[in-house]
Protein backbone atom coordinates (compact mmCIF):
# COMPACT_ATOMS: atom_id res chain seq x y z
CA MET A 1 0.00 0.00 0.00
CA SER A 2 1.28 3.42 -0.84
CA PHE A 3 -1.02 5.30 1.54
CA ASP A 4 0.45 6.51 4.81
CA PHE A 5 -1.14 8.49 7.62
CA SER A 6 1.18 11.36 6.79
CA ASP A 7 -0.81 11.67 3.53
CA ILE A 8 -3.81 12.83 5.58
CA ILE A 9 -1.72 15.30 7.53
CA ASP A 10 -0.37 16.68 4.25
CA MET A 11 -3.98 17.46 3.24
CA LEU A 12 -4.26 19.87 6.18
CA ASP A 13 -2.64 23.25 6.48
CA GLY A 14 -0.68 23.97 9.67
CA GLU A 15 -3.60 25.61 11.46
CA GLU A 16 -5.99 22.78 10.55
CA PHE A 17 -3.50 20.20 11.82
CA GLU A 18 -3.13 22.05 15.12
CA VAL A 19 -6.93 22.10 15.54
CA MET A 20 -7.15 18.38 14.69
CA LYS A 21 -4.52 17.51 17.29
CA GLN A 22 -6.66 19.08 20.01
CA HIS A 23 -9.06 16.10 20.02
CA ALA A 24 -6.60 14.21 22.23
CA ILE A 25 -6.64 16.99 24.81
CA TYR A 26 -10.41 17.48 24.61
CA GLY A 27 -11.01 13.79 25.28
CA TYR A 28 -8.66 13.95 28.24
CA GLU A 29 -10.33 17.07 29.65
CA ILE A 30 -13.78 15.47 29.41
CA LEU A 31 -12.73 12.32 31.29
CA LYS A 32 -9.93 13.35 33.65
CA GLU A 33 -12.00 14.24 36.72
CA SER A 34 -14.14 11.12 36.77
CA SER A 35 -14.05 9.01 39.91
CA SER A 36 -14.28 5.90 37.72
CA ARG A 37 -10.99 4.04 37.24
CA VAL A 38 -12.20 2.97 33.80
CA LEU A 39 -12.83 6.57 32.75
CA GLN A 40 -9.50 7.61 34.26
CA ALA A 41 -7.87 5.01 31.98
CA GLY A 42 -9.95 6.45 29.14
CA ALA A 43 -8.56 9.90 29.92
CA ALA A 44 -4.98 8.58 29.68
CA ILE A 45 -5.82 6.82 26.43
CA ALA A 46 -7.43 9.92 24.94
CA ARG A 47 -4.44 12.08 25.80
CA GLY A 48 -1.74 9.66 24.70
CA HIS A 49 -3.01 7.53 21.83
CA HIS A 50 -1.28 9.73 19.21
CA GLU A 51 2.04 9.87 21.02
CA LYS A 52 4.73 7.81 19.29
CA PHE A 53 7.28 5.59 20.98
CA ASP A 54 10.17 7.64 19.53
CA GLY A 55 8.74 10.94 20.82
CA SER A 56 7.55 12.26 17.45
CA GLY A 57 3.82 12.10 18.27
CA TYR A 58 1.40 14.58 19.77
CA PRO A 59 0.10 16.38 21.78
CA TYR A 60 3.15 16.43 24.09
CA GLY A 61 5.89 14.54 22.26
CA LEU A 62 6.09 11.89 24.99
CA LYS A 63 8.57 9.08 24.42
CA GLY A 64 8.78 5.42 25.43
CA ASP A 65 7.59 4.73 28.97
CA GLU A 66 6.53 8.38 29.39
CA ILE A 67 3.47 7.34 27.36
CA PRO A 68 0.88 5.62 29.58
CA ILE A 69 0.72 1.88 28.89
CA PHE A 70 -2.99 2.06 28.03
CA SER A 71 -2.18 4.65 25.36
CA ARG A 72 0.64 2.52 23.92
CA ILE A 73 -1.70 -0.45 23.68
CA VAL A 74 -4.54 1.53 22.13
CA ALA A 75 -2.17 3.12 19.59
CA VAL A 76 -1.53 -0.34 18.11
CA ALA A 77 -5.22 -1.29 18.08
CA ASP A 78 -6.28 2.13 16.74
CA VAL A 79 -3.86 2.07 13.81
CA PHE A 80 -4.62 -1.57 13.01
CA ASP A 81 -8.34 -0.78 12.94
CA ALA A 82 -7.83 2.37 10.87
CA LEU A 83 -5.70 0.53 8.33
CA THR A 84 -7.99 -2.49 7.96
CA SER A 85 -11.22 -0.48 7.83
CA GLU A 86 -12.52 1.38 4.82
CA ARG A 87 -12.52 5.13 5.33
CA PRO A 88 -13.89 7.92 3.12
CA TYR A 89 -10.30 8.81 2.17
CA LYS A 90 -8.94 5.26 1.59
CA PRO A 91 -9.85 1.63 0.98
CA ALA A 92 -9.27 -0.97 3.69
CA TRP A 93 -5.81 -2.51 3.70
CA SER A 94 -5.29 -6.25 3.70
CA LEU A 95 -4.42 -7.88 7.01
CA GLU A 96 -0.96 -8.65 5.65
CA ALA A 97 -0.29 -5.04 4.63
CA ALA A 98 -1.51 -3.73 7.99
CA ALA A 99 0.64 -6.28 9.86
CA ASP A 100 3.65 -5.25 7.78
CA TYR A 101 3.00 -1.58 8.60
CA LEU A 102 2.85 -2.29 12.34
CA ARG A 103 6.07 -4.32 12.19
CA GLU A 104 7.86 -1.66 10.11
CA HIS A 105 6.98 1.04 12.66
CA THR A 106 7.90 -0.95 15.77
CA GLY A 107 10.20 1.14 17.95
CA SER A 108 9.35 4.38 16.14
CA HIS A 109 5.56 4.68 16.27
CA PHE A 110 4.81 1.64 18.43
CA ASP A 111 6.11 0.14 21.66
CA PRO A 112 8.01 -3.05 20.70
CA VAL A 113 6.50 -4.95 23.66
CA CYS A 114 2.97 -3.99 22.62
CA ILE A 115 3.63 -5.10 19.04
CA ALA A 116 5.12 -8.42 20.18
CA THR A 117 2.10 -9.04 22.41
CA PHE A 118 -0.30 -8.05 19.61
CA PHE A 119 1.22 -10.61 17.26
CA ASP A 120 1.54 -13.26 19.99
CA GLN A 121 -2.26 -12.98 20.25
CA TRP A 122 -2.89 -12.75 16.49
CA GLN A 123 -5.72 -15.31 16.40
CA GLU A 124 -7.51 -13.49 19.22
CA VAL A 125 -6.97 -10.15 17.42
CA LEU A 126 -8.60 -11.58 14.30
CA ALA A 127 -11.52 -12.98 16.31
CA ILE A 128 -12.11 -9.60 17.98
CA ARG A 129 -11.83 -7.83 14.63
CA GLU A 130 -14.41 -10.17 13.12
CA ARG A 131 -16.77 -9.77 16.07
CA PHE A 132 -16.74 -5.97 16.04
CA GLN A 133 -16.35 -5.26 12.33
CA ASP A 134 -18.77 -2.71 10.90
CA GLY A 135 -22.02 -4.29 9.81
CA HIS A 136 -22.12 -6.97 12.53
């Protein structure tokens, strides 16, 4: 596949990209004061799911273990889902192409431990994907 997420970013001007990045902070702000441990985890996920393991993500440029573990896990699942789902701006990728993308970006975008665990549980990942795929 020749499509990369940076292609979407390239469609936005600098101001539009800055506005788009705010969704991570807005999600965090909505959830952060909840007394629920689940929603507290959701706040961490919202804030950190676009951080990248090498520090090149947003909104804060966190790196490695600075990124909450829930956010590192969700980053893998979020990208896998985005790649393998049809979107208005792109067709769905094959499972093989998506798996290759995740492996190629291990250590830069994704936590290597999270990627290893994801692929160690590949059959379960596929079962979950099937269960929750659009149209089911």
